[in-house]
PDB file of N, CA and C in Angstrom:
ATOM      1  N   MET A   1    -120.488 -55.441 155.074  1.00  0.00           N
ATOM      2  CA  MET A   1    -119.536 -54.512 155.666  1.00  0.00           C
ATOM      3  C   MET A   1    -119.178 -53.457 154.639  1.00  0.00           C
ATOM      4  N   GLU A   2    -119.161 -52.209 155.057  1.00  0.00           N
ATOM      5  CA  GLU A   2    -118.846 -51.126 154.130  1.00  0.00           C
ATOM      6  C   GLU A   2    -117.343 -51.057 153.861  1.00  0.00           C
ATOM      7  N   PRO A   3    -116.962 -50.505 152.716  1.00  0.00           N
ATOM      8  CA  PRO A   3    -115.528 -50.423 152.394  1.00  0.00           C
ATOM      9  C   PRO A   3    -114.783 -49.544 153.386  1.00  0.00           C
ATOM     10  N   ARG A   4    -113.568 -49.918 153.680  1.00  0.00           N
ATOM     11  CA  ARG A   4    -112.716 -49.171 154.605  1.00  0.00           C
ATOM     12  C   ARG A   4    -111.966 -48.074 153.861  1.00  0.00           C
ATOM     13  N   ARG A   5    -111.767 -46.964 154.532  1.00  0.00           N
ATOM     14  CA  ARG A   5    -111.003 -45.846 153.967  1.00  0.00           C
ATOM     15  C   ARG A   5    -109.526 -46.052 154.251  1.00  0.00           C
ATOM     16  N   PRO A   6    -108.662 -45.497 153.415  1.00  0.00           N
ATOM     17  CA  PRO A   6    -107.222 -45.596 153.702  1.00  0.00           C
ATOM     18  C   PRO A   6    -106.887 -44.872 155.011  1.00  0.00           C
ATOM     19  N   LEU A   7    -106.000 -45.451 155.775  1.00  0.00           N
ATOM     20  CA  LEU A   7    -105.570 -44.859 157.036  1.00  0.00           C
ATOM     21  C   LEU A   7    -104.047 -44.956 157.071  1.00  0.00           C
ATOM     22  N   VAL A   8    -103.402 -43.837 156.772  1.00  0.00           N
ATOM     23  CA  VAL A   8    -101.944 -43.811 156.678  1.00  0.00           C
ATOM     24  C   VAL A   8    -101.431 -42.610 157.451  1.00  0.00           C
ATOM     25  N   PHE A   9    -100.469 -42.864 158.355  1.00  0.00           N
ATOM     26  CA  PHE A   9     -99.774 -41.758 159.020  1.00  0.00           C
ATOM     27  C   PHE A   9     -98.456 -42.260 159.568  1.00  0.00           C
ATOM     28  N   SER A  10     -97.525 -41.345 159.763  1.00  0.00           N
ATOM     29  CA  SER A  10     -96.199 -41.657 160.303  1.00  0.00           C
ATOM     30  C   SER A  10     -95.511 -42.792 159.540  1.00  0.00           C
ATOM     31  N   ASP A  11     -95.642 -42.763 158.212  1.00  0.00           N
ATOM     32  CA  ASP A  11     -94.973 -43.731 157.328  1.00  0.00           C
ATOM     33  C   ASP A  11     -95.494 -45.150 157.450  1.00  0.00           C
ATOM     34  N   PHE A  12     -96.684 -45.359 158.007  1.00  0.00           N
ATOM     35  CA  PHE A  12     -97.256 -46.698 158.113  1.00  0.00           C
ATOM     36  C   PHE A  12     -98.690 -46.686 157.612  1.00  0.00           C
ATOM     37  N   SER A  13     -99.121 -47.793 157.053  1.00  0.00           N
ATOM     38  CA  SER A  13    -100.492 -47.985 156.616  1.00  0.00           C
ATOM     39  C   SER A  13    -101.195 -48.862 157.656  1.00  0.00           C
ATOM     40  N   TYR A  14    -102.402 -48.471 158.053  1.00  0.00           N
ATOM     41  CA  TYR A  14    -103.158 -49.200 159.061  1.00  0.00           C
ATOM     42  C   TYR A  14    -104.445 -49.730 158.462  1.00  0.00           C
ATOM     43  N   THR A  15    -104.993 -50.752 159.050  1.00  0.00           N
ATOM     44  CA  THR A  15    -106.247 -51.349 158.597  1.00  0.00           C
ATOM     45  C   THR A  15    -107.266 -51.258 159.719  1.00  0.00           C
ATOM     46  N   GLU A  16    -108.419 -50.664 159.402  1.00  0.00           N
ATOM     47  CA  GLU A  16    -109.498 -50.624 160.381  1.00  0.00           C
ATOM     48  C   GLU A  16    -110.049 -52.030 160.537  1.00  0.00           C
ATOM     49  N   MET A  17    -110.446 -52.362 161.751  1.00  0.00           N
ATOM     50  CA  MET A  17    -110.992 -53.688 162.018  1.00  0.00           C
ATOM     51  C   MET A  17    -112.279 -53.548 162.813  1.00  0.00           C
ATOM     52  N   LEU A  18    -113.184 -54.441 162.562  1.00  0.00           N
ATOM     53  CA  LEU A  18    -114.448 -54.464 163.281  1.00  0.00           C
ATOM     54  C   LEU A  18    -114.604 -55.837 163.906  1.00  0.00           C
ATOM     55  N   ILE A  19    -114.825 -55.866 165.210  1.00  0.00           N
ATOM     56  CA  ILE A  19    -115.037 -57.126 165.910  1.00  0.00           C
ATOM     57  C   ILE A  19    -116.428 -57.060 166.537  1.00  0.00           C
ATOM     58  N   PRO A  20    -117.402 -57.702 165.896  1.00  0.00           N
ATOM     59  CA  PRO A  20    -118.751 -57.653 166.460  1.00  0.00           C
ATOM     60  C   PRO A  20    -118.818 -58.416 167.785  1.00  0.00           C
ATOM     61  N   THR A  21    -119.256 -57.741 168.815  1.00  0.00           N
ATOM     62  CA  THR A  21    -119.400 -58.347 170.138  1.00  0.00           C
ATOM     63  C   THR A  21    -120.682 -57.845 170.780  1.00  0.00           C
ATOM     64  N   GLU A  22    -121.078 -58.502 171.828  1.00  0.00           N
ATOM     65  CA  GLU A  22    -122.224 -58.037 172.602  1.00  0.00           C
ATOM     66  C   GLU A  22    -121.760 -56.873 173.479  1.00  0.00           C
ATOM     67  N   PRO A  23    -122.574 -55.819 173.617  1.00  0.00           N
ATOM     68  CA  PRO A  23    -122.175 -54.713 174.484  1.00  0.00           C
ATOM     69  C   PRO A  23    -122.067 -55.170 175.938  1.00  0.00           C
ATOM     70  N   HIS A  24    -121.165 -54.543 176.655  1.00  0.00           N
ATOM     71  CA  HIS A  24    -121.008 -54.806 178.081  1.00  0.00           C
ATOM     72  C   HIS A  24    -122.320 -54.443 178.773  1.00  0.00           C
ATOM     73  N   PRO A  25    -122.738 -55.197 179.780  1.00  0.00           N
ATOM     74  CA  PRO A  25    -124.012 -54.884 180.454  1.00  0.00           C
ATOM     75  C   PRO A  25    -124.041 -53.497 181.082  1.00  0.00           C
ATOM     76  N   ASN A  26    -122.880 -52.950 181.432  1.00  0.00           N
ATOM     77  CA  ASN A  26    -122.818 -51.606 182.022  1.00  0.00           C
ATOM     78  C   ASN A  26    -122.169 -50.609 181.064  1.00  0.00           C
ATOM     79  N   ALA A  27    -122.354 -50.815 179.771  1.00  0.00           N
ATOM     80  CA  ALA A  27    -121.739 -49.929 178.774  1.00  0.00           C
ATOM     81  C   ALA A  27    -122.228 -48.493 178.950  1.00  0.00           C
ATOM     82  N   LEU A  28    -121.326 -47.539 178.724  1.00  0.00           N
ATOM     83  CA  LEU A  28    -121.695 -46.132 178.777  1.00  0.00           C
ATOM     84  C   LEU A  28    -122.518 -45.787 177.540  1.00  0.00           C
ATOM     85  N   SER A  29    -123.467 -44.868 177.712  1.00  0.00           N
ATOM     86  CA  SER A  29    -124.307 -44.433 176.603  1.00  0.00           C
ATOM     87  C   SER A  29    -124.722 -42.986 176.854  1.00  0.00           C
ATOM     88  N   LEU A  30    -125.503 -42.440 175.954  1.00  0.00           N
ATOM     89  CA  LEU A  30    -125.987 -41.074 176.153  1.00  0.00           C
ATOM     90  C   LEU A  30    -126.946 -40.977 177.333  1.00  0.00           C
ATOM     91  N   GLU A  31    -127.455 -42.106 177.795  1.00  0.00           N
ATOM     92  CA  GLU A  31    -128.319 -42.105 178.968  1.00  0.00           C
ATOM     93  C   GLU A  31    -127.525 -42.174 180.268  1.00  0.00           C
ATOM     94  N   SER A  32    -126.212 -42.387 180.184  1.00  0.00           N
ATOM     95  CA  SER A  32    -125.361 -42.452 181.377  1.00  0.00           C
ATOM     96  C   SER A  32    -125.260 -41.084 182.029  1.00  0.00           C
ATOM     97  N   ASP A  33    -124.940 -41.089 183.317  1.00  0.00           N
ATOM     98  CA  ASP A  33    -124.731 -39.844 184.059  1.00  0.00           C
ATOM     99  C   ASP A  33    -123.649 -39.022 183.343  1.00  0.00           C
ATOM    100  N   PRO A  34    -123.907 -37.745 183.038  1.00  0.00           N
ATOM    101  CA  PRO A  34    -122.915 -36.949 182.317  1.00  0.00           C
ATOM    102  C   PRO A  34    -121.579 -36.833 183.046  1.00  0.00           C
ATOM    103  N   TYR A  35    -121.601 -36.852 184.377  1.00  0.00           N
ATOM    104  CA  TYR A  35    -120.330 -36.791 185.109  1.00  0.00           C
ATOM    105  C   TYR A  35    -119.523 -38.073 184.922  1.00  0.00           C
ATOM    106  N   VAL A  36    -120.203 -39.189 184.759  1.00  0.00           N
ATOM    107  CA  VAL A  36    -119.501 -40.448 184.489  1.00  0.00           C
ATOM    108  C   VAL A  36    -118.867 -40.382 183.099  1.00  0.00           C
ATOM    109  N   LEU A  37    -119.587 -39.828 182.127  1.00  0.00           N
ATOM    110  CA  LEU A  37    -119.082 -39.757 180.751  1.00  0.00           C
ATOM    111  C   LEU A  37    -117.830 -38.896 180.624  1.00  0.00           C
ATOM    112  N   ILE A  38    -117.662 -37.900 181.489  1.00  0.00           N
ATOM    113  CA  ILE A  38    -116.486 -37.026 181.364  1.00  0.00           C
ATOM    114  C   ILE A  38    -115.351 -37.421 182.307  1.00  0.00           C
ATOM    115  N   ARG A  39    -115.484 -38.558 182.972  1.00  0.00           N
ATOM    116  CA  ARG A  39    -114.388 -39.050 183.825  1.00  0.00           C
ATOM    117  C   ARG A  39    -113.204 -39.450 182.941  1.00  0.00           C
ATOM    118  N   PRO A  40    -111.993 -39.451 183.500  1.00  0.00           N
ATOM    119  CA  PRO A  40    -110.819 -39.843 182.707  1.00  0.00           C
ATOM    120  C   PRO A  40    -110.982 -41.248 182.119  1.00  0.00           C
ATOM    121  N   GLU A  41    -110.486 -41.424 180.912  1.00  0.00           N
ATOM    122  CA  GLU A  41    -110.563 -42.703 180.186  1.00  0.00           C
ATOM    123  C   GLU A  41    -110.161 -43.881 181.056  1.00  0.00           C
ATOM    124  N   GLY A  42    -111.033 -44.881 181.108  1.00  0.00           N
ATOM    125  CA  GLY A  42    -110.740 -46.090 181.847  1.00  0.00           C
ATOM    126  C   GLY A  42    -110.957 -46.001 183.347  1.00  0.00           C
ATOM    127  N   ARG A  43    -111.343 -44.813 183.837  1.00  0.00           N
ATOM    128  CA  ARG A  43    -111.561 -44.660 185.281  1.00  0.00           C
ATOM    129  C   ARG A  43    -113.009 -44.256 185.551  1.00  0.00           C
ATOM    130  N   TRP A  44    -113.930 -44.939 184.858  1.00  0.00           N
ATOM    131  CA  TRP A  44    -115.334 -44.586 184.972  1.00  0.00           C
ATOM    132  C   TRP A  44    -115.939 -44.952 186.313  1.00  0.00           C
ATOM    133  N   ASP A  45    -115.226 -45.732 187.113  1.00  0.00           N
ATOM    134  CA  ASP A  45    -115.755 -46.105 188.428  1.00  0.00           C
ATOM    135  C   ASP A  45    -115.254 -45.195 189.541  1.00  0.00           C
ATOM    136  N   THR A  46    -114.434 -44.181 189.186  1.00  0.00           N
ATOM    137  CA  THR A  46    -113.862 -43.264 190.179  1.00  0.00           C
ATOM    138  C   THR A  46    -114.315 -41.837 189.885  1.00  0.00           C
ATOM    139  N   PRO A  47    -114.959 -41.160 190.846  1.00  0.00           N
ATOM    140  CA  PRO A  47    -115.377 -39.774 190.599  1.00  0.00           C
ATOM    141  C   PRO A  47    -114.194 -38.900 190.191  1.00  0.00           C
ATOM    142  N   GLY A  48    -114.426 -38.071 189.169  1.00  0.00           N
ATOM    143  CA  GLY A  48    -113.386 -37.173 188.672  1.00  0.00           C
ATOM    144  C   GLY A  48    -113.410 -35.833 189.380  1.00  0.00           C
ATOM    145  N   ILE A  49    -112.417 -34.996 189.075  1.00  0.00           N
ATOM    146  CA  ILE A  49    -112.284 -33.698 189.745  1.00  0.00           C
ATOM    147  C   ILE A  49    -113.462 -32.769 189.431  1.00  0.00           C
ATOM    148  N   LEU A  50    -113.983 -32.835 188.214  1.00  0.00           N
ATOM    149  CA  LEU A  50    -115.118 -31.975 187.876  1.00  0.00           C
ATOM    150  C   LEU A  50    -116.368 -32.395 188.636  1.00  0.00           C
ATOM    151  N   GLU A  51    -116.512 -33.678 188.829  1.00  0.00           N
ATOM    152  CA  GLU A  51    -117.648 -34.199 189.583  1.00  0.00           C
ATOM    153  C   GLU A  51    -117.583 -33.736 191.035  1.00  0.00           C
ATOM    154  N   LYS A  52    -116.394 -33.771 191.612  1.00  0.00           N
ATOM    155  CA  LYS A  52    -116.223 -33.341 193.000  1.00  0.00           C
ATOM    156  C   LYS A  52    -116.513 -31.850 193.154  1.00  0.00           C
ATOM    157  N   SER A  53    -116.136 -31.057 192.146  1.00  0.00           N
ATOM    158  CA  SER A  53    -116.339 -29.614 192.251  1.00  0.00           C
ATOM    159  C   SER A  53    -117.786 -29.210 192.005  1.00  0.00           C
ATOM    160  N   SER A  54    -118.614 -30.121 191.493  1.00  0.00           N
ATOM    161  CA  SER A  54    -120.007 -29.767 191.199  1.00  0.00           C
ATOM    162  C   SER A  54    -120.805 -29.458 192.463  1.00  0.00           C
ATOM    163  N   SER A  55    -120.349 -29.931 193.609  1.00  0.00           N
ATOM    164  CA  SER A  55    -121.070 -29.675 194.855  1.00  0.00           C
ATOM    165  C   SER A  55    -120.988 -28.212 195.281  1.00  0.00           C
ATOM    166  N   ARG A  56    -120.070 -27.452 194.683  1.00  0.00           N
ATOM    167  CA  ARG A  56    -119.958 -26.023 195.022  1.00  0.00           C
ATOM    168  C   ARG A  56    -121.102 -25.215 194.441  1.00  0.00           C
ATOM    169  N   GLY A  57    -121.801 -25.757 193.445  1.00  0.00           N
ATOM    170  CA  GLY A  57    -122.903 -25.024 192.836  1.00  0.00           C
ATOM    171  C   GLY A  57    -122.440 -24.108 191.738  1.00  0.00           C
ATOM    172  N   VAL A  58    -123.326 -23.198 191.346  1.00  0.00           N
ATOM    173  CA  VAL A  58    -123.083 -22.297 190.228  1.00  0.00           C
ATOM    174  C   VAL A  58    -122.692 -20.921 190.742  1.00  0.00           C
ATOM    175  N   CYS A  59    -121.714 -20.320 190.115  1.00  0.00           N
ATOM    176  CA  CYS A  59    -121.283 -18.974 190.463  1.00  0.00           C
ATOM    177  C   CYS A  59    -121.904 -17.987 189.479  1.00  0.00           C
ATOM    178  N   ASN A  60    -122.555 -16.991 189.983  1.00  0.00           N
ATOM    179  CA  ASN A  60    -123.112 -15.940 189.133  1.00  0.00           C
ATOM    180  C   ASN A  60    -121.959 -15.018 188.745  1.00  0.00           C
ATOM    181  N   ALA A  61    -121.703 -14.814 187.469  1.00  0.00           N
ATOM    182  CA  ALA A  61    -120.573 -14.013 187.004  1.00  0.00           C
ATOM    183  C   ALA A  61    -120.627 -12.594 187.571  1.00  0.00           C
ATOM    184  N   ALA A  62    -121.797 -12.035 187.758  1.00  0.00           N
ATOM    185  CA  ALA A  62    -121.927 -10.675 188.303  1.00  0.00           C
ATOM    186  C   ALA A  62    -121.477 -10.651 189.766  1.00  0.00           C
ATOM    187  N   ASP A  63    -121.684 -11.744 190.499  1.00  0.00           N
ATOM    188  CA  ASP A  63    -121.285 -11.800 191.906  1.00  0.00           C
ATOM    189  C   ASP A  63    -119.784 -11.970 192.062  1.00  0.00           C
ATOM    190  N   ALA A  64    -119.124 -12.488 191.053  1.00  0.00           N
ATOM    191  CA  ALA A  64    -117.698 -12.781 191.136  1.00  0.00           C
ATOM    192  C   ALA A  64    -116.838 -11.536 190.995  1.00  0.00           C
ATOM    193  N   ARG A  65    -117.428 -10.437 190.602  1.00  0.00           N
ATOM    194  CA  ARG A  65    -116.642  -9.194 190.394  1.00  0.00           C
ATOM    195  C   ARG A  65    -116.299  -8.516 191.672  1.00  0.00           C
TER     196      ARG A  65
END
């Protein structure tokens, strides 16, 4: 295990901890759907607002004028 760096803020000292575990079978990764990755923290099973708006397609900036 590599040495830990000091972690101090708000008048308290903290200790980094590492708990080796097996990854969850459905763990998010760079291969995951990008819309899933940008969903709100802890709500990866619920489509987010950006995902819902993706069905509108792309707006050409010149057409928006």
